[in-house]
PDB file of all heavy atoms in Angstrom:
ATOM      1  N   SER A   1      34.716  54.463  70.681  1.00  0.00           N
ATOM      2  CA  SER A   1      35.938  54.221  69.919  1.00  0.00           C
ATOM      3  C   SER A   1      35.686  54.456  68.435  1.00  0.00           C
ATOM      4  O   SER A   1      34.547  54.474  67.968  1.00  0.00           O
ATOM      5  CB  SER A   1      36.414  52.780  70.138  1.00  0.00           C
ATOM      6  OG  SER A   1      35.522  51.892  69.493  1.00  0.00           O
ATOM      7  N   THR A   2      36.763  54.586  67.674  1.00  0.00           N
ATOM      8  CA  THR A   2      36.616  54.857  66.251  1.00  0.00           C
ATOM      9  C   THR A   2      35.854  53.738  65.552  1.00  0.00           C
ATOM     10  O   THR A   2      34.964  53.978  64.740  1.00  0.00           O
ATOM     11  CB  THR A   2      38.007  55.029  65.609  1.00  0.00           C
ATOM     12  OG1 THR A   2      38.704  56.053  66.304  1.00  0.00           O
ATOM     13  CG2 THR A   2      37.884  55.403  64.138  1.00  0.00           C
ATOM     14  N   SER A   3      36.184  52.502  65.867  1.00  0.00           N
ATOM     15  CA  SER A   3      35.491  51.391  65.227  1.00  0.00           C
ATOM     16  C   SER A   3      34.055  51.308  65.703  1.00  0.00           C
ATOM     17  O   SER A   3      33.135  51.063  64.927  1.00  0.00           O
ATOM     18  CB  SER A   3      36.233  50.074  65.504  1.00  0.00           C
ATOM     19  OG  SER A   3      36.303  49.849  66.902  1.00  0.00           O
ATOM     20  N   ALA A   4      33.843  51.496  66.991  1.00  0.00           N
ATOM     21  CA  ALA A   4      32.475  51.419  67.518  1.00  0.00           C
ATOM     22  C   ALA A   4      31.625  52.533  66.955  1.00  0.00           C
ATOM     23  O   ALA A   4      30.418  52.383  66.779  1.00  0.00           O
ATOM     24  CB  ALA A   4      32.506  51.493  69.040  1.00  0.00           C
ATOM     25  N   MET A   5      32.242  53.669  66.661  1.00  0.00           N
ATOM     26  CA  MET A   5      31.485  54.784  66.127  1.00  0.00           C
ATOM     27  C   MET A   5      30.880  54.390  64.780  1.00  0.00           C
ATOM     28  O   MET A   5      29.755  54.764  64.467  1.00  0.00           O
ATOM     29  CB  MET A   5      32.387  56.005  65.969  1.00  0.00           C
ATOM     30  CG  MET A   5      31.673  57.248  65.503  1.00  0.00           C
ATOM     31  SD  MET A   5      32.680  58.732  65.738  1.00  0.00           S
ATOM     32  CE  MET A   5      34.128  58.303  64.780  1.00  0.00           C
ATOM     33  N   ALA A   6      31.623  53.637  63.988  1.00  0.00           N
ATOM     34  CA  ALA A   6      31.110  53.231  62.691  1.00  0.00           C
ATOM     35  C   ALA A   6      30.037  52.155  62.818  1.00  0.00           C
ATOM     36  O   ALA A   6      29.076  52.120  62.060  1.00  0.00           O
ATOM     37  CB  ALA A   6      32.267  52.724  61.821  1.00  0.00           C
ATOM     38  N   GLN A   7      30.203  51.266  63.819  1.00  0.00           N
ATOM     39  CA  GLN A   7      29.314  50.122  63.934  1.00  0.00           C
ATOM     40  C   GLN A   7      28.103  50.393  64.821  1.00  0.00           C
ATOM     41  O   GLN A   7      27.052  49.799  64.632  1.00  0.00           O
ATOM     42  CB  GLN A   7      30.100  48.934  64.503  1.00  0.00           C
ATOM     43  CG  GLN A   7      31.264  48.516  63.613  1.00  0.00           C
ATOM     44  CD  GLN A   7      32.129  47.470  64.283  1.00  0.00           C
ATOM     45  OE1 GLN A   7      31.768  46.929  65.324  1.00  0.00           O
ATOM     46  NE2 GLN A   7      33.265  47.174  63.675  1.00  0.00           N
ATOM     47  N   ASN A   8      28.238  51.289  65.793  1.00  0.00           N
ATOM     48  CA  ASN A   8      27.181  51.479  66.787  1.00  0.00           C
ATOM     49  C   ASN A   8      26.863  52.955  66.950  1.00  0.00           C
ATOM     50  O   ASN A   8      26.870  53.483  68.044  1.00  0.00           O
ATOM     51  CB  ASN A   8      27.620  50.899  68.140  1.00  0.00           C
ATOM     52  CG  ASN A   8      27.955  49.425  68.049  1.00  0.00           C
ATOM     53  OD1 ASN A   8      27.107  48.623  67.707  1.00  0.00           O
ATOM     54  ND2 ASN A   8      29.198  49.092  68.344  1.00  0.00           N
ATOM     55  N   ILE A   9      26.565  53.612  65.835  1.00  0.00           N
ATOM     56  CA  ILE A   9      26.357  55.043  65.907  1.00  0.00           C
ATOM     57  C   ILE A   9      25.176  55.404  66.786  1.00  0.00           C
ATOM     58  O   ILE A   9      25.120  56.499  67.343  1.00  0.00           O
ATOM     59  CB  ILE A   9      26.198  55.620  64.496  1.00  0.00           C
ATOM     60  CG1 ILE A   9      26.315  57.150  64.527  1.00  0.00           C
ATOM     61  CG2 ILE A   9      24.888  55.183  63.861  1.00  0.00           C
ATOM     62  CD1 ILE A   9      26.493  57.748  63.160  1.00  0.00           C
ATOM     63  N   ALA A  10      24.236  54.502  66.977  1.00  0.00           N
ATOM     64  CA  ALA A  10      23.075  54.779  67.831  1.00  0.00           C
ATOM     65  C   ALA A  10      23.485  54.980  69.275  1.00  0.00           C
ATOM     66  O   ALA A  10      22.740  55.572  70.048  1.00  0.00           O
ATOM     67  CB  ALA A  10      22.061  53.649  67.726  1.00  0.00           C
ATOM     68  N   LYS A  11      24.640  54.494  69.668  1.00  0.00           N
ATOM     69  CA  LYS A  11      25.102  54.632  71.051  1.00  0.00           C
ATOM     70  C   LYS A  11      25.742  55.986  71.329  1.00  0.00           C
ATOM     71  O   LYS A  11      26.039  56.294  72.479  1.00  0.00           O
ATOM     72  CB  LYS A  11      26.099  53.512  71.372  1.00  0.00           C
ATOM     73  CG  LYS A  11      25.473  52.127  71.387  1.00  0.00           C
ATOM     74  CD  LYS A  11      26.488  51.084  71.815  1.00  0.00           C
ATOM     75  CE  LYS A  11      25.851  49.696  71.843  1.00  0.00           C
ATOM     76  NZ  LYS A  11      26.834  48.669  72.269  1.00  0.00           N
ATOM     77  N   ILE A  12      25.975  56.772  70.303  1.00  0.00           N
ATOM     78  CA  ILE A  12      26.581  58.086  70.509  1.00  0.00           C
ATOM     79  C   ILE A  12      25.530  59.030  71.052  1.00  0.00           C
ATOM     80  O   ILE A  12      24.481  59.218  70.445  1.00  0.00           O
ATOM     81  CB  ILE A  12      27.166  58.630  69.198  1.00  0.00           C
ATOM     82  CG1 ILE A  12      28.263  57.694  68.697  1.00  0.00           C
ATOM     83  CG2 ILE A  12      27.719  60.025  69.392  1.00  0.00           C
ATOM     84  CD1 ILE A  12      28.789  58.060  67.337  1.00  0.00           C
ATOM     85  N   ALA A  13      25.792  59.614  72.199  1.00  0.00           N
ATOM     86  CA  ALA A  13      24.808  60.479  72.852  1.00  0.00           C
ATOM     87  C   ALA A  13      24.905  61.892  72.317  1.00  0.00           C
ATOM     88  O   ALA A  13      25.864  62.601  72.577  1.00  0.00           O
ATOM     89  CB  ALA A  13      25.023  60.478  74.362  1.00  0.00           C
ATOM     90  N   THR A  14      23.901  62.291  71.553  1.00  0.00           N
ATOM     91  CA  THR A  14      23.832  63.640  71.027  1.00  0.00           C
ATOM     92  C   THR A  14      22.418  64.160  71.212  1.00  0.00           C
ATOM     93  O   THR A  14      21.482  63.396  71.437  1.00  0.00           O
ATOM     94  CB  THR A  14      24.179  63.682  69.529  1.00  0.00           C
ATOM     95  OG1 THR A  14      23.205  62.931  68.809  1.00  0.00           O
ATOM     96  CG2 THR A  14      25.570  63.123  69.273  1.00  0.00           C
ATOM     97  N   LEU A  15      22.266  65.483  71.121  1.00  0.00           N
ATOM     98  CA  LEU A  15      20.928  66.050  71.133  1.00  0.00           C
ATOM     99  C   LEU A  15      20.213  65.692  69.841  1.00  0.00           C
ATOM    100  O   LEU A  15      20.854  65.458  68.817  1.00  0.00           O
ATOM    101  CB  LEU A  15      21.001  67.567  71.290  1.00  0.00           C
ATOM    102  CG  LEU A  15      21.520  68.079  72.636  1.00  0.00           C
ATOM    103  CD1 LEU A  15      21.500  69.593  72.650  1.00  0.00           C
ATOM    104  CD2 LEU A  15      20.707  67.535  73.785  1.00  0.00           C
ATOM    105  N   PRO A  16      18.877  65.648  69.842  1.00  0.00           N
ATOM    106  CA  PRO A  16      18.137  65.304  68.618  1.00  0.00           C
ATOM    107  C   PRO A  16      18.544  66.191  67.451  1.00  0.00           C
ATOM    108  O   PRO A  16      18.639  67.406  67.573  1.00  0.00           O
ATOM    109  CB  PRO A  16      16.684  65.556  69.019  1.00  0.00           C
ATOM    110  CG  PRO A  16      16.671  65.385  70.506  1.00  0.00           C
ATOM    111  CD  PRO A  16      17.996  65.899  70.987  1.00  0.00           C
ATOM    112  N   GLY A  17      18.821  65.546  66.334  1.00  0.00           N
ATOM    113  CA  GLY A  17      19.159  66.282  65.123  1.00  0.00           C
ATOM    114  C   GLY A  17      20.628  66.599  64.979  1.00  0.00           C
ATOM    115  O   GLY A  17      21.048  67.119  63.957  1.00  0.00           O
ATOM    116  N   SER A  18      21.438  66.307  65.987  1.00  0.00           N
ATOM    117  CA  SER A  18      22.857  66.628  65.877  1.00  0.00           C
ATOM    118  C   SER A  18      23.596  65.505  65.177  1.00  0.00           C
ATOM    119  O   SER A  18      23.087  64.417  64.985  1.00  0.00           O
ATOM    120  CB  SER A  18      23.456  66.868  67.264  1.00  0.00           C
ATOM    121  OG  SER A  18      23.351  65.698  68.046  1.00  0.00           O
ATOM    122  N   SER A  19      24.809  65.796  64.780  1.00  0.00           N
ATOM    123  CA  SER A  19      25.618  64.805  64.086  1.00  0.00           C
ATOM    124  C   SER A  19      26.980  64.739  64.744  1.00  0.00           C
ATOM    125  O   SER A  19      27.356  65.616  65.516  1.00  0.00           O
ATOM    126  CB  SER A  19      25.764  65.156  62.609  1.00  0.00           C
ATOM    127  OG  SER A  19      26.377  66.416  62.475  1.00  0.00           O
ATOM    128  N   VAL A  20      27.745  63.712  64.416  1.00  0.00           N
ATOM    129  CA  VAL A  20      29.046  63.516  65.049  1.00  0.00           C
ATOM    130  C   VAL A  20      30.046  64.553  64.591  1.00  0.00           C
ATOM    131  O   VAL A  20      30.780  65.123  65.372  1.00  0.00           O
ATOM    132  CB  VAL A  20      29.566  62.101  64.763  1.00  0.00           C
ATOM    133  CG1 VAL A  20      30.993  61.945  65.244  1.00  0.00           C
ATOM    134  CG2 VAL A  20      28.660  61.084  65.415  1.00  0.00           C
ATOM    135  N   LYS A  21      30.052  64.835  63.302  1.00  0.00           N
ATOM    136  CA  LYS A  21      31.070  65.718  62.749  1.00  0.00           C
ATOM    137  C   LYS A  21      30.501  67.120  62.557  1.00  0.00           C
ATOM    138  O   LYS A  21      29.407  67.306  62.076  1.00  0.00           O
ATOM    139  CB  LYS A  21      31.560  65.169  61.415  1.00  0.00           C
ATOM    140  CG  LYS A  21      32.785  65.891  60.855  1.00  0.00           C
ATOM    141  CD  LYS A  21      33.291  65.197  59.613  1.00  0.00           C
ATOM    142  CE  LYS A  21      34.499  65.918  59.042  1.00  0.00           C
ATOM    143  NZ  LYS A  21      35.022  65.244  57.849  1.00  0.00           N
ATOM    144  N   SER A  22      31.261  68.122  62.952  1.00  0.00           N
ATOM    145  CA  SER A  22      30.820  69.500  62.786  1.00  0.00           C
ATOM    146  C   SER A  22      31.780  70.237  61.876  1.00  0.00           C
ATOM    147  O   SER A  22      32.844  69.741  61.526  1.00  0.00           O
ATOM    148  CB  SER A  22      30.727  70.205  64.137  1.00  0.00           C
ATOM    149  OG  SER A  22      31.992  70.258  64.735  1.00  0.00           O
ATOM    150  N   SER A  23      31.390  71.451  61.506  1.00  0.00           N
ATOM    151  CA  SER A  23      32.155  72.223  60.541  1.00  0.00           C
ATOM    152  C   SER A  23      32.791  73.424  61.196  1.00  0.00           C
ATOM    153  O   SER A  23      32.275  73.979  62.155  1.00  0.00           O
ATOM    154  CB  SER A  23      31.241  72.678  59.410  1.00  0.00           C
ATOM    155  OG  SER A  23      31.908  73.602  58.577  1.00  0.00           O
ATOM    156  N   HIS A  24      33.940  73.856  60.647  1.00  0.00           N
ATOM    157  CA  HIS A  24      34.573  75.088  61.103  1.00  0.00           C
ATOM    158  C   HIS A  24      34.044  76.308  60.361  1.00  0.00           C
ATOM    159  O   HIS A  24      34.545  77.403  60.554  1.00  0.00           O
ATOM    160  CB  HIS A  24      36.086  75.015  60.881  1.00  0.00           C
ATOM    161  CG  HIS A  24      36.778  74.059  61.801  1.00  0.00           C
ATOM    162  ND1 HIS A  24      36.609  74.084  63.155  1.00  0.00           N
ATOM    163  CD2 HIS A  24      37.650  73.061  61.542  1.00  0.00           C
ATOM    164  CE1 HIS A  24      37.353  73.141  63.694  1.00  0.00           C
ATOM    165  NE2 HIS A  24      37.989  72.506  62.745  1.00  0.00           N
ATOM    166  N   THR A  25      33.062  76.114  59.482  1.00  0.00           N
ATOM    167  CA  THR A  25      32.581  77.233  58.679  1.00  0.00           C
ATOM    168  C   THR A  25      32.106  78.373  59.567  1.00  0.00           C
ATOM    169  O   THR A  25      31.306  78.183  60.481  1.00  0.00           O
ATOM    170  CB  THR A  25      31.423  76.781  57.779  1.00  0.00           C
ATOM    171  OG1 THR A  25      31.874  75.714  56.958  1.00  0.00           O
ATOM    172  CG2 THR A  25      30.944  77.938  56.902  1.00  0.00           C
ATOM    173  N   LYS A  26      32.611  79.573  59.297  1.00  0.00           N
ATOM    174  CA  LYS A  26      32.227  80.732  60.104  1.00  0.00           C
ATOM    175  C   LYS A  26      30.797  81.121  59.771  1.00  0.00           C
ATOM    176  O   LYS A  26      30.330  80.964  58.661  1.00  0.00           O
ATOM    177  CB  LYS A  26      33.168  81.914  59.837  1.00  0.00           C
ATOM    178  CG  LYS A  26      34.569  81.692  60.373  1.00  0.00           C
ATOM    179  CD  LYS A  26      35.423  82.918  60.125  1.00  0.00           C
ATOM    180  CE  LYS A  26      36.810  82.731  60.709  1.00  0.00           C
ATOM    181  NZ  LYS A  26      36.794  82.718  62.157  1.00  0.00           N
ATOM    182  N   ASN A  27      30.091  81.646  60.779  1.00  0.00           N
ATOM    183  CA  ASN A  27      28.734  82.093  60.561  1.00  0.00           C
ATOM    184  C   ASN A  27      28.487  83.310  61.424  1.00  0.00           C
ATOM    185  O   ASN A  27      29.374  83.804  62.113  1.00  0.00           O
ATOM    186  CB  ASN A  27      27.737  80.968  60.902  1.00  0.00           C
ATOM    187  CG  ASN A  27      27.934  80.458  62.315  1.00  0.00           C
ATOM    188  OD1 ASN A  27      27.795  81.218  63.270  1.00  0.00           O
ATOM    189  ND2 ASN A  27      28.276  79.175  62.458  1.00  0.00           N
ATOM    190  N   ALA A  28      27.277  83.814  61.369  1.00  0.00           N
ATOM    191  CA  ALA A  28      26.963  85.068  62.068  1.00  0.00           C
ATOM    192  C   ALA A  28      27.094  84.947  63.568  1.00  0.00           C
ATOM    193  O   ALA A  28      27.124  85.957  64.277  1.00  0.00           O
ATOM    194  CB  ALA A  28      25.545  85.511  61.699  1.00  0.00           C
ATOM    195  N   PHE A  29      27.156  83.735  64.077  1.00  0.00           N
ATOM    196  CA  PHE A  29      27.200  83.542  65.530  1.00  0.00           C
ATOM    197  C   PHE A  29      28.624  83.449  66.066  1.00  0.00           C
ATOM    198  O   PHE A  29      28.824  83.367  67.267  1.00  0.00           O
ATOM    199  CB  PHE A  29      26.418  82.269  65.902  1.00  0.00           C
ATOM    200  CG  PHE A  29      24.968  82.368  65.565  1.00  0.00           C
ATOM    201  CD1 PHE A  29      24.484  81.861  64.374  1.00  0.00           C
ATOM    202  CD2 PHE A  29      24.073  82.976  66.431  1.00  0.00           C
ATOM    203  CE1 PHE A  29      23.133  81.954  64.056  1.00  0.00           C
ATOM    204  CE2 PHE A  29      22.725  83.079  66.120  1.00  0.00           C
ATOM    205  CZ  PHE A  29      22.257  82.561  64.924  1.00  0.00           C
ATOM    206  N   ASN A  30      29.611  83.427  65.169  1.00  0.00           N
ATOM    207  CA  ASN A  30      30.991  83.298  65.645  1.00  0.00           C
ATOM    208  C   ASN A  30      31.381  84.451  66.558  1.00  0.00           C
ATOM    209  O   ASN A  30      31.102  85.607  66.269  1.00  0.00           O
ATOM    210  CB  ASN A  30      31.975  83.270  64.464  1.00  0.00           C
ATOM    211  CG  ASN A  30      31.920  81.969  63.696  1.00  0.00           C
ATOM    212  OD1 ASN A  30      31.558  81.969  62.549  1.00  0.00           O
ATOM    213  ND2 ASN A  30      32.273  80.873  64.331  1.00  0.00           N
ATOM    214  N   GLN A  31      32.040  84.130  67.653  1.00  0.00           N
ATOM    215  CA  GLN A  31      32.634  85.157  68.498  1.00  0.00           C
ATOM    216  C   GLN A  31      33.987  85.502  67.904  1.00  0.00           C
ATOM    217  O   GLN A  31      34.752  84.627  67.542  1.00  0.00           O
ATOM    218  CB  GLN A  31      32.786  84.652  69.932  1.00  0.00           C
ATOM    219  CG  GLN A  31      31.451  84.350  70.588  1.00  0.00           C
ATOM    220  CD  GLN A  31      31.626  83.638  71.905  1.00  0.00           C
ATOM    221  OE1 GLN A  31      32.720  83.434  72.369  1.00  0.00           O
ATOM    222  NE2 GLN A  31      30.523  83.257  72.502  1.00  0.00           N
ATOM    223  N   LYS A  32      34.271  86.793  67.820  1.00  0.00           N
ATOM    224  CA  LYS A  32      35.506  87.226  67.199  1.00  0.00           C
ATOM    225  C   LYS A  32      36.599  87.393  68.240  1.00  0.00           C
ATOM    226  O   LYS A  32      36.371  87.925  69.321  1.00  0.00           O
ATOM    227  CB  LYS A  32      35.293  88.550  66.458  1.00  0.00           C
ATOM    228  CG  LYS A  32      34.195  88.473  65.395  1.00  0.00           C
ATOM    229  CD  LYS A  32      34.498  87.442  64.336  1.00  0.00           C
ATOM    230  CE  LYS A  32      33.426  87.404  63.258  1.00  0.00           C
ATOM    231  NZ  LYS A  32      33.649  86.338  62.277  1.00  0.00           N
ATOM    232  N   ALA A  33      37.790  86.942  67.899  1.00  0.00           N
ATOM    233  CA  ALA A  33      38.922  87.131  68.804  1.00  0.00           C
ATOM    234  C   ALA A  33      39.260  88.611  68.885  1.00  0.00           C
ATOM    235  O   ALA A  33      39.244  89.322  67.902  1.00  0.00           O
ATOM    236  CB  ALA A  33      40.121  86.342  68.296  1.00  0.00           C
ATOM    237  N   GLY A  34      39.570  89.063  70.075  1.00  0.00           N
ATOM    238  CA  GLY A  34      39.930  90.455  70.278  1.00  0.00           C
ATOM    239  C   GLY A  34      40.155  90.720  71.740  1.00  0.00           C
ATOM    240  O   GLY A  34      40.031  89.831  72.587  1.00  0.00           O
ATOM    241  N   ALA A  35      40.503  91.969  72.058  1.00  0.00           N
ATOM    242  CA  ALA A  35      40.821  92.306  73.440  1.00  0.00           C
ATOM    243  C   ALA A  35      39.666  91.985  74.367  1.00  0.00           C
ATOM    244  O   ALA A  35      39.861  91.558  75.498  1.00  0.00           O
ATOM    245  CB  ALA A  35      41.184  93.792  73.528  1.00  0.00           C
ATOM    246  N   GLY A  36      38.427  92.183  73.886  1.00  0.00           N
ATOM    247  CA  GLY A  36      37.273  91.922  74.728  1.00  0.00           C
ATOM    248  C   GLY A  36      36.997  90.466  74.950  1.00  0.00           C
ATOM    249  O   GLY A  36      36.154  90.103  75.770  1.00  0.00           O
ATOM    250  N   MET A  37      37.683  89.604  74.194  1.00  0.00           N
ATOM    251  CA  MET A  37      37.470  88.169  74.319  1.00  0.00           C
ATOM    252  C   MET A  37      38.674  87.472  74.935  1.00  0.00           C
ATOM    253  O   MET A  37      38.830  86.267  74.797  1.00  0.00           O
ATOM    254  CB  MET A  37      37.141  87.568  72.949  1.00  0.00           C
ATOM    255  CG  MET A  37      35.795  88.009  72.400  1.00  0.00           C
ATOM    256  SD  MET A  37      34.416  87.605  73.495  1.00  0.00           S
ATOM    257  CE  MET A  37      34.515  85.813  73.500  1.00  0.00           C
ATOM    258  N   GLN A  38      39.553  88.209  75.578  1.00  0.00           N
ATOM    259  CA  GLN A  38      40.689  87.606  76.266  1.00  0.00           C
ATOM    260  C   GLN A  38      40.431  87.687  77.761  1.00  0.00           C
ATOM    261  O   GLN A  38      40.156  88.749  78.297  1.00  0.00           O
ATOM    262  CB  GLN A  38      42.003  88.308  75.929  1.00  0.00           C
ATOM    263  CG  GLN A  38      43.187  87.683  76.659  1.00  0.00           C
ATOM    264  CD  GLN A  38      44.523  88.228  76.184  1.00  0.00           C
ATOM    265  OE1 GLN A  38      44.611  88.822  75.131  1.00  0.00           O
ATOM    266  NE2 GLN A  38      45.556  87.997  76.977  1.00  0.00           N
ATOM    267  N   PHE A  39      40.544  86.546  78.432  1.00  0.00           N
ATOM    268  CA  PHE A  39      40.186  86.476  79.848  1.00  0.00           C
ATOM    269  C   PHE A  39      41.366  86.090  80.726  1.00  0.00           C
ATOM    270  O   PHE A  39      41.196  85.751  81.888  1.00  0.00           O
ATOM    271  CB  PHE A  39      39.023  85.489  80.029  1.00  0.00           C
ATOM    272  CG  PHE A  39      37.828  85.841  79.199  1.00  0.00           C
ATOM    273  CD1 PHE A  39      37.584  85.205  77.998  1.00  0.00           C
ATOM    274  CD2 PHE A  39      36.968  86.845  79.606  1.00  0.00           C
ATOM    275  CE1 PHE A  39      36.485  85.549  77.227  1.00  0.00           C
ATOM    276  CE2 PHE A  39      35.864  87.195  78.845  1.00  0.00           C
ATOM    277  CZ  PHE A  39      35.621  86.542  77.648  1.00  0.00           C
ATOM    278  N   CYS A  40      42.578  86.144  80.165  1.00  0.00           N
ATOM    279  CA  CYS A  40      43.770  85.846  80.943  1.00  0.00           C
ATOM    280  C   CYS A  40      44.721  87.036  80.842  1.00  0.00           C
ATOM    281  O   CYS A  40      44.518  87.947  80.046  1.00  0.00           O
ATOM    282  CB  CYS A  40      44.446  84.582  80.431  1.00  0.00           C
ATOM    283  SG  CYS A  40      44.834  84.649  78.667  1.00  0.00           S
ATOM    284  N   LYS A  41      45.775  87.023  81.656  1.00  0.00           N
ATOM    285  CA  LYS A  41      46.672  88.181  81.730  1.00  0.00           C
ATOM    286  C   LYS A  41      47.686  88.217  80.607  1.00  0.00           C
ATOM    287  O   LYS A  41      47.968  89.262  80.045  1.00  0.00           O
ATOM    288  CB  LYS A  41      47.408  88.180  83.076  1.00  0.00           C
ATOM    289  CG  LYS A  41      46.521  88.439  84.276  1.00  0.00           C
ATOM    290  CD  LYS A  41      47.347  88.647  85.526  1.00  0.00           C
ATOM    291  CE  LYS A  41      48.165  87.443  85.891  1.00  0.00           C
ATOM    292  NZ  LYS A  41      48.804  87.569  87.212  1.00  0.00           N
ATOM    293  N   GLY A  42      48.277  87.073  80.293  1.00  0.00           N
ATOM    294  CA  GLY A  42      49.421  87.061  79.396  1.00  0.00           C
ATOM    295  C   GLY A  42      49.043  87.078  77.931  1.00  0.00           C
ATOM    296  O   GLY A  42      47.866  86.972  77.553  1.00  0.00           O
ATOM    297  N   ASN A  43      50.054  87.198  77.071  1.00  0.00           N
ATOM    298  CA  ASN A  43      49.820  87.112  75.632  1.00  0.00           C
ATOM    299  C   ASN A  43      49.231  85.758  75.276  1.00  0.00           C
ATOM    300  O   ASN A  43      49.555  84.731  75.885  1.00  0.00           O
ATOM    301  CB  ASN A  43      51.131  87.315  74.870  1.00  0.00           C
ATOM    302  CG  ASN A  43      51.673  88.716  75.021  1.00  0.00           C
ATOM    303  OD1 ASN A  43      50.916  89.681  75.106  1.00  0.00           O
ATOM    304  ND2 ASN A  43      52.982  88.837  75.056  1.00  0.00           N
ATOM    305  N   LEU A  44      48.343  85.751  74.273  1.00  0.00           N
ATOM    306  CA  LEU A  44      47.713  84.508  73.845  1.00  0.00           C
ATOM    307  C   LEU A  44      48.658  83.729  72.935  1.00  0.00           C
ATOM    308  O   LEU A  44      49.058  84.214  71.880  1.00  0.00           O
ATOM    309  CB  LEU A  44      46.409  84.805  73.109  1.00  0.00           C
ATOM    310  CG  LEU A  44      45.264  85.327  73.973  1.00  0.00           C
ATOM    311  CD1 LEU A  44      44.074  85.706  73.105  1.00  0.00           C
ATOM    312  CD2 LEU A  44      44.857  84.312  75.023  1.00  0.00           C
TER     313      LEU A  44
END
């Protein structure tokens, strides 16, 4: 829960070195949207 997250952060299960909050910052690993990245039939 939001309150428990502040009080009991040790209980949050993450891989070593990870954090709760992540960033939307683009980097070299981003997959780009495009025809090759659409896996359904209809318009997105």
